[in-house]
Amino acid sequence: MYLITSTKEKKEMKQIKLEGYKGTYTKIDEAWYYGFKYYLFESDVYGDEAEAVVTNQDLEPITSGYDDIVTLLDDYFER
């Protein structure tokens, strides 16, 4: 059994540039997954029309998609 939590923290991250992605992104969610913190970012230009990007706590992109952060992390770590 492992602990997964998803929270919408008040600390905002806006207009963040992510390596390998064009434009800027805003944090829309975060989760603790297997003891590590991950963030979900949405494009400032395209919003939910584009894939959201999941980063680790160092803001390094690890995966992207249209699902919620926990589903994206589950899919990523099942590989």
C-alpha atoms as a PDB file:
ATOM      1  CA  MET A   1       0.000   0.000   0.000  1.00  0.00           C
ATOM      2  CA  TYR A   2       1.271   3.473  -0.779  1.00  0.00           C
ATOM      3  CA  LEU A   3       0.063   6.944   0.006  1.00  0.00           C
ATOM      4  CA  ILE A   4      -1.085   9.231  -2.779  1.00  0.00           C
ATOM      5  CA  THR A   5      -2.461  12.647  -2.024  1.00  0.00           C
ATOM      6  CA  SER A   6      -3.510  15.392  -4.375  1.00  0.00           C
ATOM      7  CA  THR A   7      -3.848  18.940  -3.125  1.00  0.00           C
ATOM      8  CA  LYS A   8      -4.413  22.368  -4.530  1.00  0.00           C
ATOM      9  CA  GLU A   9      -1.886  24.375  -2.546  1.00  0.00           C
ATOM     10  CA  LYS A  10      -2.221  28.141  -2.201  1.00  0.00           C
ATOM     11  CA  LYS A  11       1.397  28.743  -3.261  1.00  0.00           C
ATOM     12  CA  GLU A  12       1.060  29.564  -6.937  1.00  0.00           C
ATOM     13  CA  MET A  13       3.553  28.910  -9.694  1.00  0.00           C
ATOM     14  CA  LYS A  14       2.655  31.029 -12.695  1.00  0.00           C
ATOM     15  CA  GLN A  15       4.352  31.670 -16.027  1.00  0.00           C
ATOM     16  CA  ILE A  16       6.925  28.911 -15.525  1.00  0.00           C
ATOM     17  CA  LYS A  17       9.050  27.884 -18.504  1.00  0.00           C
ATOM     18  CA  LEU A  18       9.435  24.107 -18.720  1.00  0.00           C
ATOM     19  CA  GLU A  19      12.381  22.487 -20.469  1.00  0.00           C
ATOM     20  CA  GLY A  20      11.371  21.070 -23.844  1.00  0.00           C
ATOM     21  CA  TYR A  21       8.033  22.921 -23.987  1.00  0.00           C
ATOM     22  CA  LYS A  22       7.115  26.184 -25.710  1.00  0.00           C
ATOM     23  CA  GLY A  23       5.471  29.030 -23.857  1.00  0.00           C
ATOM     24  CA  THR A  24       4.771  29.319 -20.158  1.00  0.00           C
ATOM     25  CA  TYR A  25       2.813  27.126 -17.769  1.00  0.00           C
ATOM     26  CA  THR A  26       0.875  27.537 -14.527  1.00  0.00           C
ATOM     27  CA  LYS A  27       0.679  24.921 -11.767  1.00  0.00           C
ATOM     28  CA  ILE A  28      -2.878  23.598 -11.442  1.00  0.00           C
ATOM     29  CA  ASP A  29      -2.347  20.651  -9.085  1.00  0.00           C
ATOM     30  CA  GLU A  30       0.248  18.717  -7.122  1.00  0.00           C
ATOM     31  CA  ALA A  31       0.524  15.286  -5.552  1.00  0.00           C
ATOM     32  CA  TRP A  32       2.735  13.245  -3.254  1.00  0.00           C
ATOM     33  CA  TYR A  33       3.400   9.902  -4.944  1.00  0.00           C
ATOM     34  CA  TYR A  34       5.551   7.227  -3.281  1.00  0.00           C
ATOM     35  CA  GLY A  35       7.063   9.908  -1.055  1.00  0.00           C
ATOM     36  CA  PHE A  36       7.977  12.337  -3.841  1.00  0.00           C
ATOM     37  CA  LYS A  37       6.229  15.568  -4.806  1.00  0.00           C
ATOM     38  CA  TYR A  38       4.997  16.143  -8.358  1.00  0.00           C
ATOM     39  CA  TYR A  39       3.299  19.105 -10.027  1.00  0.00           C
ATOM     40  CA  LEU A  40       0.748  19.335 -12.843  1.00  0.00           C
ATOM     41  CA  PHE A  41       1.117  22.342 -15.155  1.00  0.00           C
ATOM     42  CA  GLU A  42      -1.282  23.749 -17.752  1.00  0.00           C
ATOM     43  CA  SER A  43      -0.307  25.859 -20.757  1.00  0.00           C
ATOM     44  CA  ASP A  44      -0.935  29.576 -20.257  1.00  0.00           C
ATOM     45  CA  VAL A  45      -1.840  29.934 -23.938  1.00  0.00           C
ATOM     46  CA  TYR A  46      -3.869  26.789 -24.684  1.00  0.00           C
ATOM     47  CA  GLY A  47      -5.228  25.869 -21.247  1.00  0.00           C
ATOM     48  CA  ASP A  48      -6.989  22.503 -21.196  1.00  0.00           C
ATOM     49  CA  GLU A  49      -6.902  22.324 -25.001  1.00  0.00           C
ATOM     50  CA  ALA A  50      -3.277  21.118 -24.741  1.00  0.00           C
ATOM     51  CA  GLU A  51      -1.800  18.259 -22.720  1.00  0.00           C
ATOM     52  CA  ALA A  52      -0.933  19.115 -19.132  1.00  0.00           C
ATOM     53  CA  VAL A  53       2.665  18.476 -18.074  1.00  0.00           C
ATOM     54  CA  VAL A  54       3.731  16.594 -14.932  1.00  0.00           C
ATOM     55  CA  THR A  55       7.059  17.614 -13.390  1.00  0.00           C
ATOM     56  CA  ASN A  56       9.054  16.364 -10.457  1.00  0.00           C
ATOM     57  CA  GLN A  57       9.856  18.633  -7.520  1.00  0.00           C
ATOM     58  CA  ASP A  58      12.804  20.086  -9.465  1.00  0.00           C
ATOM     59  CA  LEU A  59      10.372  21.147 -12.239  1.00  0.00           C
ATOM     60  CA  GLU A  60      11.823  18.596 -14.690  1.00  0.00           C
ATOM     61  CA  PRO A  61       9.029  17.357 -17.005  1.00  0.00           C
ATOM     62  CA  ILE A  62       8.445  13.605 -16.767  1.00  0.00           C
ATOM     63  CA  THR A  63       5.168  12.984 -18.625  1.00  0.00           C
ATOM     64  CA  SER A  64       2.151  14.742 -20.108  1.00  0.00           C
ATOM     65  CA  GLY A  65      -1.458  14.032 -20.969  1.00  0.00           C
ATOM     66  CA  TYR A  66      -5.092  14.995 -20.541  1.00  0.00           C
ATOM     67  CA  ASP A  67      -5.784  13.027 -17.324  1.00  0.00           C
ATOM     68  CA  ASP A  68      -5.510  14.081 -13.692  1.00  0.00           C
ATOM     69  CA  ILE A  69      -2.100  14.042 -12.028  1.00  0.00           C
ATOM     70  CA  VAL A  70      -2.550  10.734 -10.174  1.00  0.00           C
ATOM     71  CA  THR A  71      -3.664   8.884 -13.329  1.00  0.00           C
ATOM     72  CA  LEU A  72      -0.725  10.313 -15.292  1.00  0.00           C
ATOM     73  CA  LEU A  73       1.714   9.254 -12.562  1.00  0.00           C
ATOM     74  CA  ASP A  74       0.172   5.770 -12.364  1.00  0.00           C
ATOM     75  CA  ASP A  75       0.545   5.360 -16.137  1.00  0.00           C
ATOM     76  CA  TYR A  76       4.097   6.717 -16.114  1.00  0.00           C
ATOM     77  CA  PHE A  77       5.369   4.448 -13.345  1.00  0.00           C
ATOM     78  CA  GLU A  78       3.628   1.326 -14.724  1.00  0.00           C
ATOM     79  CA  ARG A  79       5.933   1.420 -17.768  1.00  0.00           C
END
